[in-house]
mmCIF file of all heavy atoms, coordinates in Angstrom:
data_MODEL
# 
_entry.id   MODEL 
# 
loop_
_atom_site.group_PDB 
_atom_site.id 
_atom_site.type_symbol 
_atom_site.label_atom_id 
_atom_site.label_alt_id 
_atom_site.label_comp_id 
_atom_site.label_asym_id 
_atom_site.label_entity_id 
_atom_site.label_seq_id 
_atom_site.pdbx_PDB_ins_code 
_atom_site.Cartn_x 
_atom_site.Cartn_y 
_atom_site.Cartn_z 
_atom_site.occupancy 
_atom_site.B_iso_or_equiv 
_atom_site.pdbx_formal_charge 
_atom_site.auth_seq_id 
_atom_site.auth_comp_id 
_atom_site.auth_asym_id 
_atom_site.auth_atom_id 
_atom_site.pdbx_PDB_model_num 
ATOM 1   N N   . LEU A 1 1  ? 170.067 88.758  54.077 1.00 0.00 ? 1  LEU A N   1 
ATOM 2   C CA  . LEU A 1 1  ? 171.082 89.606  53.457 1.00 0.00 ? 1  LEU A CA  1 
ATOM 3   C C   . LEU A 1 1  ? 170.410 90.831  52.846 1.00 0.00 ? 1  LEU A C   1 
ATOM 4   O O   . LEU A 1 1  ? 169.262 90.765  52.409 1.00 0.00 ? 1  LEU A O   1 
ATOM 5   C CB  . LEU A 1 1  ? 171.837 88.835  52.373 1.00 0.00 ? 1  LEU A CB  1 
ATOM 6   C CG  . LEU A 1 1  ? 172.710 87.668  52.840 1.00 0.00 ? 1  LEU A CG  1 
ATOM 7   C CD1 . LEU A 1 1  ? 173.326 86.955  51.643 1.00 0.00 ? 1  LEU A CD1 1 
ATOM 8   C CD2 . LEU A 1 1  ? 173.805 88.147  53.787 1.00 0.00 ? 1  LEU A CD2 1 
ATOM 9   N N   . SER A 1 2  ? 171.143 91.937  52.813 1.00 0.00 ? 2  SER A N   1 
ATOM 10  C CA  . SER A 1 2  ? 170.590 93.171  52.260 1.00 0.00 ? 2  SER A CA  1 
ATOM 11  C C   . SER A 1 2  ? 171.718 94.013  51.691 1.00 0.00 ? 2  SER A C   1 
ATOM 12  O O   . SER A 1 2  ? 172.871 93.917  52.128 1.00 0.00 ? 2  SER A O   1 
ATOM 13  C CB  . SER A 1 2  ? 169.846 93.956  53.349 1.00 0.00 ? 2  SER A CB  1 
ATOM 14  O OG  . SER A 1 2  ? 169.410 95.206  52.858 1.00 0.00 ? 2  SER A OG  1 
ATOM 15  N N   . ILE A 1 3  ? 171.374 94.851  50.716 1.00 0.00 ? 3  ILE A N   1 
ATOM 16  C CA  . ILE A 1 3  ? 172.357 95.787  50.163 1.00 0.00 ? 3  ILE A CA  1 
ATOM 17  C C   . ILE A 1 3  ? 172.336 97.086  50.969 1.00 0.00 ? 3  ILE A C   1 
ATOM 18  O O   . ILE A 1 3  ? 173.040 98.027  50.663 1.00 0.00 ? 3  ILE A O   1 
ATOM 19  C CB  . ILE A 1 3  ? 172.086 96.042  48.656 1.00 0.00 ? 3  ILE A CB  1 
ATOM 20  C CG1 . ILE A 1 3  ? 171.986 94.709  47.911 1.00 0.00 ? 3  ILE A CG1 1 
ATOM 21  C CG2 . ILE A 1 3  ? 173.182 96.851  48.016 1.00 0.00 ? 3  ILE A CG2 1 
ATOM 22  C CD1 . ILE A 1 3  ? 171.703 94.846  46.440 1.00 0.00 ? 3  ILE A CD1 1 
ATOM 23  N N   . GLY A 1 4  ? 171.522 97.140  52.017 1.00 0.00 ? 4  GLY A N   1 
ATOM 24  C CA  . GLY A 1 4  ? 171.548 98.267  52.938 1.00 0.00 ? 4  GLY A CA  1 
ATOM 25  C C   . GLY A 1 4  ? 170.371 99.206  52.868 1.00 0.00 ? 4  GLY A C   1 
ATOM 26  O O   . GLY A 1 4  ? 170.485 100.362 53.288 1.00 0.00 ? 4  GLY A O   1 
ATOM 27  N N   . ILE A 1 5  ? 169.208 98.736  52.371 1.00 0.00 ? 5  ILE A N   1 
ATOM 28  C CA  . ILE A 1 5  ? 168.065 99.646  52.242 1.00 0.00 ? 5  ILE A CA  1 
ATOM 29  C C   . ILE A 1 5  ? 166.921 99.311  53.206 1.00 0.00 ? 5  ILE A C   1 
ATOM 30  O O   . ILE A 1 5  ? 165.925 100.022 53.233 1.00 0.00 ? 5  ILE A O   1 
ATOM 31  C CB  . ILE A 1 5  ? 167.522 99.660  50.794 1.00 0.00 ? 5  ILE A CB  1 
ATOM 32  C CG1 . ILE A 1 5  ? 166.860 98.300  50.465 1.00 0.00 ? 5  ILE A CG1 1 
ATOM 33  C CG2 . ILE A 1 5  ? 168.596 100.011 49.804 1.00 0.00 ? 5  ILE A CG2 1 
ATOM 34  C CD1 . ILE A 1 5  ? 165.981 98.347  49.247 1.00 0.00 ? 5  ILE A CD1 1 
ATOM 35  N N   . THR A 1 6  ? 167.041 98.237  53.979 1.00 0.00 ? 6  THR A N   1 
ATOM 36  C CA  . THR A 1 6  ? 165.921 97.768  54.810 1.00 0.00 ? 6  THR A CA  1 
ATOM 37  C C   . THR A 1 6  ? 165.396 98.856  55.741 1.00 0.00 ? 6  THR A C   1 
ATOM 38  O O   . THR A 1 6  ? 164.192 99.120  55.791 1.00 0.00 ? 6  THR A O   1 
ATOM 39  C CB  . THR A 1 6  ? 166.341 96.548  55.643 1.00 0.00 ? 6  THR A CB  1 
ATOM 40  O OG1 . THR A 1 6  ? 167.029 95.616  54.818 1.00 0.00 ? 6  THR A OG1 1 
ATOM 41  C CG2 . THR A 1 6  ? 165.127 95.865  56.242 1.00 0.00 ? 6  THR A CG2 1 
ATOM 42  N N   . ALA A 1 7  ? 166.291 99.495  56.476 1.00 0.00 ? 7  ALA A N   1 
ATOM 43  C CA  . ALA A 1 7  ? 165.872 100.511 57.438 1.00 0.00 ? 7  ALA A CA  1 
ATOM 44  C C   . ALA A 1 7  ? 165.334 101.763 56.758 1.00 0.00 ? 7  ALA A C   1 
ATOM 45  O O   . ALA A 1 7  ? 164.620 102.559 57.378 1.00 0.00 ? 7  ALA A O   1 
ATOM 46  C CB  . ALA A 1 7  ? 167.035 100.877 58.346 1.00 0.00 ? 7  ALA A CB  1 
ATOM 47  N N   . GLN A 1 8  ? 165.672 101.972 55.474 1.00 0.00 ? 8  GLN A N   1 
ATOM 48  C CA  . GLN A 1 8  ? 165.249 103.178 54.754 1.00 0.00 ? 8  GLN A CA  1 
ATOM 49  C C   . GLN A 1 8  ? 163.924 103.004 54.024 1.00 0.00 ? 8  GLN A C   1 
ATOM 50  O O   . GLN A 1 8  ? 163.421 103.948 53.410 1.00 0.00 ? 8  GLN A O   1 
ATOM 51  C CB  . GLN A 1 8  ? 166.335 103.572 53.741 1.00 0.00 ? 8  GLN A CB  1 
ATOM 52  C CG  . GLN A 1 8  ? 167.700 103.795 54.357 1.00 0.00 ? 8  GLN A CG  1 
ATOM 53  C CD  . GLN A 1 8  ? 168.806 103.789 53.318 1.00 0.00 ? 8  GLN A CD  1 
ATOM 54  O OE1 . GLN A 1 8  ? 168.553 103.851 52.123 1.00 0.00 ? 8  GLN A OE1 1 
ATOM 55  N NE2 . GLN A 1 8  ? 170.042 103.693 53.788 1.00 0.00 ? 8  GLN A NE2 1 
ATOM 56  N N   . LEU A 1 9  ? 163.339 101.818 54.075 1.00 0.00 ? 9  LEU A N   1 
ATOM 57  C CA  . LEU A 1 9  ? 162.070 101.581 53.384 1.00 0.00 ? 9  LEU A CA  1 
ATOM 58  C C   . LEU A 1 9  ? 160.945 102.392 54.013 1.00 0.00 ? 9  LEU A C   1 
ATOM 59  O O   . LEU A 1 9  ? 160.970 102.690 55.208 1.00 0.00 ? 9  LEU A O   1 
ATOM 60  C CB  . LEU A 1 9  ? 161.713 100.088 53.434 1.00 0.00 ? 9  LEU A CB  1 
ATOM 61  C CG  . LEU A 1 9  ? 162.591 99.120  52.636 1.00 0.00 ? 9  LEU A CG  1 
ATOM 62  C CD1 . LEU A 1 9  ? 162.213 97.674  52.950 1.00 0.00 ? 9  LEU A CD1 1 
ATOM 63  C CD2 . LEU A 1 9  ? 162.470 99.374  51.137 1.00 0.00 ? 9  LEU A CD2 1 
ATOM 64  N N   . SER A 1 10 ? 159.955 102.715 53.197 1.00 0.00 ? 10 SER A N   1 
ATOM 65  C CA  . SER A 1 10 ? 158.777 103.411 53.708 1.00 0.00 ? 10 SER A CA  1 
ATOM 66  C C   . SER A 1 10 ? 157.964 102.466 54.592 1.00 0.00 ? 10 SER A C   1 
ATOM 67  O O   . SER A 1 10 ? 158.233 101.257 54.640 1.00 0.00 ? 10 SER A O   1 
ATOM 68  C CB  . SER A 1 10 ? 157.917 103.896 52.542 1.00 0.00 ? 10 SER A CB  1 
ATOM 69  O OG  . SER A 1 10 ? 157.429 102.781 51.804 1.00 0.00 ? 10 SER A OG  1 
ATOM 70  N N   . GLU A 1 11 ? 156.972 103.017 55.284 1.00 0.00 ? 11 GLU A N   1 
ATOM 71  C CA  . GLU A 1 11 ? 156.144 102.183 56.154 1.00 0.00 ? 11 GLU A CA  1 
ATOM 72  C C   . GLU A 1 11 ? 155.432 101.092 55.367 1.00 0.00 ? 11 GLU A C   1 
ATOM 73  O O   . GLU A 1 11 ? 155.380 99.931  55.798 1.00 0.00 ? 11 GLU A O   1 
ATOM 74  C CB  . GLU A 1 11 ? 155.124 103.053 56.903 1.00 0.00 ? 11 GLU A CB  1 
ATOM 75  C CG  . GLU A 1 11 ? 155.750 103.930 57.974 1.00 0.00 ? 11 GLU A CG  1 
ATOM 76  C CD  . GLU A 1 11 ? 154.711 104.574 58.866 1.00 0.00 ? 11 GLU A CD  1 
ATOM 77  O OE1 . GLU A 1 11 ? 153.495 104.424 58.582 1.00 0.00 ? 11 GLU A OE1 1 
ATOM 78  O OE2 . GLU A 1 11 ? 155.103 105.200 59.865 1.00 0.00 ? 11 GLU A OE2 1 
ATOM 79  N N   . MET A 1 12 ? 154.892 101.428 54.205 1.00 0.00 ? 12 MET A N   1 
ATOM 80  C CA  . MET A 1 12 ? 154.230 100.427 53.373 1.00 0.00 ? 12 MET A CA  1 
ATOM 81  C C   . MET A 1 12 ? 155.244 99.428  52.818 1.00 0.00 ? 12 MET A C   1 
ATOM 82  O O   . MET A 1 12 ? 154.946 98.235  52.687 1.00 0.00 ? 12 MET A O   1 
ATOM 83  C CB  . MET A 1 12 ? 153.468 101.101 52.231 1.00 0.00 ? 12 MET A CB  1 
ATOM 84  C CG  . MET A 1 12 ? 152.198 101.818 52.664 1.00 0.00 ? 12 MET A CG  1 
ATOM 85  S SD  . MET A 1 12 ? 151.050 100.725 53.563 1.00 0.00 ? 12 MET A SD  1 
ATOM 86  C CE  . MET A 1 12 ? 150.681 99.504  52.309 1.00 0.00 ? 12 MET A CE  1 
ATOM 87  N N   . GLY A 1 13 ? 156.445 99.916  52.518 1.00 0.00 ? 13 GLY A N   1 
ATOM 88  C CA  . GLY A 1 13 ? 157.501 99.019  52.043 1.00 0.00 ? 13 GLY A CA  1 
ATOM 89  C C   . GLY A 1 13 ? 157.889 98.001  53.097 1.00 0.00 ? 13 GLY A C   1 
ATOM 90  O O   . GLY A 1 13 ? 158.070 96.809  52.805 1.00 0.00 ? 13 GLY A O   1 
ATOM 91  N N   . LYS A 1 14 ? 157.998 98.452  54.358 1.00 0.00 ? 14 LYS A N   1 
ATOM 92  C CA  . LYS A 1 14 ? 158.308 97.529  55.460 1.00 0.00 ? 14 LYS A CA  1 
ATOM 93  C C   . LYS A 1 14 ? 157.195 96.496  55.632 1.00 0.00 ? 14 LYS A C   1 
ATOM 94  O O   . LYS A 1 14 ? 157.465 95.315  55.875 1.00 0.00 ? 14 LYS A O   1 
ATOM 95  C CB  . LYS A 1 14 ? 158.498 98.307  56.764 1.00 0.00 ? 14 LYS A CB  1 
ATOM 96  C CG  . LYS A 1 14 ? 159.772 99.134  56.822 1.00 0.00 ? 14 LYS A CG  1 
ATOM 97  C CD  . LYS A 1 14 ? 159.845 99.924  58.115 1.00 0.00 ? 14 LYS A CD  1 
ATOM 98  C CE  . LYS A 1 14 ? 161.087 100.800 58.156 1.00 0.00 ? 14 LYS A CE  1 
ATOM 99  N NZ  . LYS A 1 14 ? 161.141 101.634 59.383 1.00 0.00 ? 14 LYS A NZ  1 
ATOM 100 N N   . PHE A 1 15 ? 155.949 96.966  55.483 1.00 0.00 ? 15 PHE A N   1 
ATOM 101 C CA  . PHE A 1 15 ? 154.821 96.048  55.650 1.00 0.00 ? 15 PHE A CA  1 
ATOM 102 C C   . PHE A 1 15 ? 154.820 94.984  54.551 1.00 0.00 ? 15 PHE A C   1 
ATOM 103 O O   . PHE A 1 15 ? 154.505 93.814  54.806 1.00 0.00 ? 15 PHE A O   1 
ATOM 104 C CB  . PHE A 1 15 ? 153.506 96.833  55.626 1.00 0.00 ? 15 PHE A CB  1 
ATOM 105 C CG  . PHE A 1 15 ? 152.309 95.999  55.991 1.00 0.00 ? 15 PHE A CG  1 
ATOM 106 C CD1 . PHE A 1 15 ? 152.120 95.563  57.289 1.00 0.00 ? 15 PHE A CD1 1 
ATOM 107 C CD2 . PHE A 1 15 ? 151.381 95.627  55.030 1.00 0.00 ? 15 PHE A CD2 1 
ATOM 108 C CE1 . PHE A 1 15 ? 151.030 94.774  57.632 1.00 0.00 ? 15 PHE A CE1 1 
ATOM 109 C CE2 . PHE A 1 15 ? 150.285 94.846  55.357 1.00 0.00 ? 15 PHE A CE2 1 
ATOM 110 C CZ  . PHE A 1 15 ? 150.105 94.418  56.664 1.00 0.00 ? 15 PHE A CZ  1 
ATOM 111 N N   . VAL A 1 16 ? 155.188 95.371  53.327 1.00 0.00 ? 16 VAL A N   1 
ATOM 112 C CA  . VAL A 1 16 ? 155.291 94.412  52.219 1.00 0.00 ? 16 VAL A CA  1 
ATOM 113 C C   . VAL A 1 16 ? 156.352 93.353  52.543 1.00 0.00 ? 16 VAL A C   1 
ATOM 114 O O   . VAL A 1 16 ? 156.131 92.147  52.357 1.00 0.00 ? 16 VAL A O   1 
ATOM 115 C CB  . VAL A 1 16 ? 155.641 95.130  50.897 1.00 0.00 ? 16 VAL A CB  1 
ATOM 116 C CG1 . VAL A 1 16 ? 156.013 94.123  49.814 1.00 0.00 ? 16 VAL A CG1 1 
ATOM 117 C CG2 . VAL A 1 16 ? 154.465 95.977  50.429 1.00 0.00 ? 16 VAL A CG2 1 
ATOM 118 N N   . ILE A 1 17 ? 157.502 93.792  53.052 1.00 0.00 ? 17 ILE A N   1 
ATOM 119 C CA  . ILE A 1 17 ? 158.579 92.852  53.413 1.00 0.00 ? 17 ILE A CA  1 
ATOM 120 C C   . ILE A 1 17 ? 158.135 91.932  54.542 1.00 0.00 ? 17 ILE A C   1 
ATOM 121 O O   . ILE A 1 17 ? 158.459 90.732  54.550 1.00 0.00 ? 17 ILE A O   1 
ATOM 122 C CB  . ILE A 1 17 ? 159.861 93.621  53.807 1.00 0.00 ? 17 ILE A CB  1 
ATOM 123 C CG1 . ILE A 1 17 ? 160.435 94.376  52.614 1.00 0.00 ? 17 ILE A CG1 1 
ATOM 124 C CG2 . ILE A 1 17 ? 160.916 92.666  54.363 1.00 0.00 ? 17 ILE A CG2 1 
ATOM 125 C CD1 . ILE A 1 17 ? 160.878 93.490  51.466 1.00 0.00 ? 17 ILE A CD1 1 
ATOM 126 N N   . ILE A 1 18 ? 157.364 92.459  55.497 1.00 0.00 ? 18 ILE A N   1 
ATOM 127 C CA  . ILE A 1 18 ? 156.836 91.635  56.596 1.00 0.00 ? 18 ILE A CA  1 
ATOM 128 C C   . ILE A 1 18 ? 155.980 90.506  56.027 1.00 0.00 ? 18 ILE A C   1 
ATOM 129 O O   . ILE A 1 18 ? 156.130 89.333  56.424 1.00 0.00 ? 18 ILE A O   1 
ATOM 130 C CB  . ILE A 1 18 ? 156.009 92.494  57.577 1.00 0.00 ? 18 ILE A CB  1 
ATOM 131 C CG1 . ILE A 1 18 ? 156.929 93.399  58.405 1.00 0.00 ? 18 ILE A CG1 1 
ATOM 132 C CG2 . ILE A 1 18 ? 155.183 91.608  58.517 1.00 0.00 ? 18 ILE A CG2 1 
ATOM 133 C CD1 . ILE A 1 18 ? 156.197 94.441  59.221 1.00 0.00 ? 18 ILE A CD1 1 
ATOM 134 N N   . LEU A 1 19 ? 155.082 90.838  55.113 1.00 0.00 ? 19 LEU A N   1 
ATOM 135 C CA  . LEU A 1 19 ? 154.219 89.823  54.489 1.00 0.00 ? 19 LEU A CA  1 
ATOM 136 C C   . LEU A 1 19 ? 155.035 88.788  53.728 1.00 0.00 ? 19 LEU A C   1 
ATOM 137 O O   . LEU A 1 19 ? 154.770 87.585  53.805 1.00 0.00 ? 19 LEU A O   1 
ATOM 138 C CB  . LEU A 1 19 ? 153.214 90.492  53.551 1.00 0.00 ? 19 LEU A CB  1 
ATOM 139 C CG  . LEU A 1 19 ? 152.054 91.256  54.202 1.00 0.00 ? 19 LEU A CG  1 
ATOM 140 C CD1 . LEU A 1 19 ? 151.192 91.919  53.131 1.00 0.00 ? 19 LEU A CD1 1 
ATOM 141 C CD2 . LEU A 1 19 ? 151.190 90.317  55.044 1.00 0.00 ? 19 LEU A CD2 1 
ATOM 142 N N   . ILE A 1 20 ? 156.033 89.259  52.985 1.00 0.00 ? 20 ILE A N   1 
ATOM 143 C CA  . ILE A 1 20 ? 156.858 88.334  52.192 1.00 0.00 ? 20 ILE A CA  1 
ATOM 144 C C   . ILE A 1 20 ? 157.645 87.398  53.106 1.00 0.00 ? 20 ILE A C   1 
ATOM 145 O O   . ILE A 1 20 ? 157.763 86.195  52.833 1.00 0.00 ? 20 ILE A O   1 
ATOM 146 C CB  . ILE A 1 20 ? 157.802 89.110  51.249 1.00 0.00 ? 20 ILE A CB  1 
ATOM 147 C CG1 . ILE A 1 20 ? 156.996 89.896  50.220 1.00 0.00 ? 20 ILE A CG1 1 
ATOM 148 C CG2 . ILE A 1 20 ? 158.750 88.153  50.527 1.00 0.00 ? 20 ILE A CG2 1 
ATOM 149 C CD1 . ILE A 1 20 ? 157.842 90.804  49.343 1.00 0.00 ? 20 ILE A CD1 1 
ATOM 150 N N   . MET A 1 21 ? 158.190 87.941  54.207 1.00 0.00 ? 21 MET A N   1 
ATOM 151 C CA  . MET A 1 21 ? 158.927 87.100  55.159 1.00 0.00 ? 21 MET A CA  1 
ATOM 152 C C   . MET A 1 21 ? 158.023 86.007  55.726 1.00 0.00 ? 21 MET A C   1 
ATOM 153 O O   . MET A 1 21 ? 158.423 84.841  55.830 1.00 0.00 ? 21 MET A O   1 
ATOM 154 C CB  . MET A 1 21 ? 159.500 87.945  56.298 1.00 0.00 ? 21 MET A CB  1 
ATOM 155 C CG  . MET A 1 21 ? 160.696 88.787  55.942 1.00 0.00 ? 21 MET A CG  1 
ATOM 156 S SD  . MET A 1 21 ? 161.539 89.509  57.378 1.00 0.00 ? 21 MET A SD  1 
ATOM 157 C CE  . MET A 1 21 ? 160.298 90.649  58.000 1.00 0.00 ? 21 MET A CE  1 
ATOM 158 N N   . PHE A 1 22 ? 156.811 86.408  56.102 1.00 0.00 ? 22 PHE A N   1 
ATOM 159 C CA  . PHE A 1 22 ? 155.875 85.447  56.698 1.00 0.00 ? 22 PHE A CA  1 
ATOM 160 C C   . PHE A 1 22 ? 155.466 84.383  55.687 1.00 0.00 ? 22 PHE A C   1 
ATOM 161 O O   . PHE A 1 22 ? 155.470 83.179  55.996 1.00 0.00 ? 22 PHE A O   1 
ATOM 162 C CB  . PHE A 1 22 ? 154.647 86.180  57.230 1.00 0.00 ? 22 PHE A CB  1 
ATOM 163 C CG  . PHE A 1 22 ? 153.699 85.298  57.983 1.00 0.00 ? 22 PHE A CG  1 
ATOM 164 C CD1 . PHE A 1 22 ? 154.009 84.842  59.245 1.00 0.00 ? 22 PHE A CD1 1 
ATOM 165 C CD2 . PHE A 1 22 ? 152.500 84.898  57.414 1.00 0.00 ? 22 PHE A CD2 1 
ATOM 166 C CE1 . PHE A 1 22 ? 153.145 84.012  59.942 1.00 0.00 ? 22 PHE A CE1 1 
ATOM 167 C CE2 . PHE A 1 22 ? 151.629 84.072  58.104 1.00 0.00 ? 22 PHE A CE2 1 
ATOM 168 C CZ  . PHE A 1 22 ? 151.950 83.633  59.368 1.00 0.00 ? 22 PHE A CZ  1 
ATOM 169 N N   . ILE A 1 23 ? 155.117 84.805  54.480 1.00 0.00 ? 23 ILE A N   1 
ATOM 170 C CA  . ILE A 1 23 ? 154.723 83.852  53.433 1.00 0.00 ? 23 ILE A CA  1 
ATOM 171 C C   . ILE A 1 23 ? 155.886 82.931  53.092 1.00 0.00 ? 23 ILE A C   1 
ATOM 172 O O   . ILE A 1 23 ? 155.707 81.725  52.899 1.00 0.00 ? 23 ILE A O   1 
ATOM 173 C CB  . ILE A 1 23 ? 154.230 84.596  52.168 1.00 0.00 ? 23 ILE A CB  1 
ATOM 174 C CG1 . ILE A 1 23 ? 152.918 85.321  52.459 1.00 0.00 ? 23 ILE A CG1 1 
ATOM 175 C CG2 . ILE A 1 23 ? 154.042 83.617  51.003 1.00 0.00 ? 23 ILE A CG2 1 
ATOM 176 C CD1 . ILE A 1 23 ? 152.466 86.241  51.347 1.00 0.00 ? 23 ILE A CD1 1 
ATOM 177 N N   . GLY A 1 24 ? 157.100 83.486  53.050 1.00 0.00 ? 24 GLY A N   1 
ATOM 178 C CA  . GLY A 1 24 ? 158.270 82.675  52.747 1.00 0.00 ? 24 GLY A CA  1 
ATOM 179 C C   . GLY A 1 24 ? 158.532 81.615  53.797 1.00 0.00 ? 24 GLY A C   1 
ATOM 180 O O   . GLY A 1 24 ? 158.975 80.508  53.473 1.00 0.00 ? 24 GLY A O   1 
ATOM 181 N N   . ARG A 1 25 ? 158.238 81.940  55.049 1.00 0.00 ? 25 ARG A N   1 
ATOM 182 C CA  . ARG A 1 25 ? 158.492 80.964  56.131 1.00 0.00 ? 25 ARG A CA  1 
ATOM 183 C C   . ARG A 1 25 ? 157.463 79.843  56.137 1.00 0.00 ? 25 ARG A C   1 
ATOM 184 O O   . ARG A 1 25 ? 157.807 78.677  56.306 1.00 0.00 ? 25 ARG A O   1 
ATOM 185 C CB  . ARG A 1 25 ? 158.487 81.684  57.489 1.00 0.00 ? 25 ARG A CB  1 
ATOM 186 C CG  . ARG A 1 25 ? 158.766 80.762  58.680 1.00 0.00 ? 25 ARG A CG  1 
ATOM 187 C CD  . ARG A 1 25 ? 160.174 80.226  58.629 1.00 0.00 ? 25 ARG A CD  1 
ATOM 188 N NE  . ARG A 1 25 ? 160.492 79.368  59.757 1.00 0.00 ? 25 ARG A NE  1 
ATOM 189 C CZ  . ARG A 1 25 ? 160.455 78.049  59.749 1.00 0.00 ? 25 ARG A CZ  1 
ATOM 190 N NH1 . ARG A 1 25 ? 160.076 77.406  58.651 1.00 0.00 ? 25 ARG A NH1 1 
ATOM 191 N NH2 . ARG A 1 25 ? 160.799 77.360  60.822 1.00 0.00 ? 25 ARG A NH2 1 
ATOM 192 N N   . VAL A 1 26 ? 156.182 80.178  55.965 1.00 0.00 ? 26 VAL A N   1 
ATOM 193 C CA  . VAL A 1 26 ? 155.149 79.140  56.039 1.00 0.00 ? 26 VAL A CA  1 
ATOM 194 C C   . VAL A 1 26 ? 154.833 78.547  54.665 1.00 0.00 ? 26 VAL A C   1 
ATOM 195 O O   . VAL A 1 26 ? 154.179 77.510  54.585 1.00 0.00 ? 26 VAL A O   1 
ATOM 196 C CB  . VAL A 1 26 ? 153.854 79.669  56.684 1.00 0.00 ? 26 VAL A CB  1 
ATOM 197 C CG1 . VAL A 1 26 ? 154.123 80.201  58.080 1.00 0.00 ? 26 VAL A CG1 1 
ATOM 198 C CG2 . VAL A 1 26 ? 153.213 80.762  55.839 1.00 0.00 ? 26 VAL A CG2 1 
# 
């Protein structure tokens, strides 16, 4: 779920979310 900012994140912001998604899954 998102309030609508995912696509607007900076490159470093997207990379942070990638890490969090991966850590959250494993």
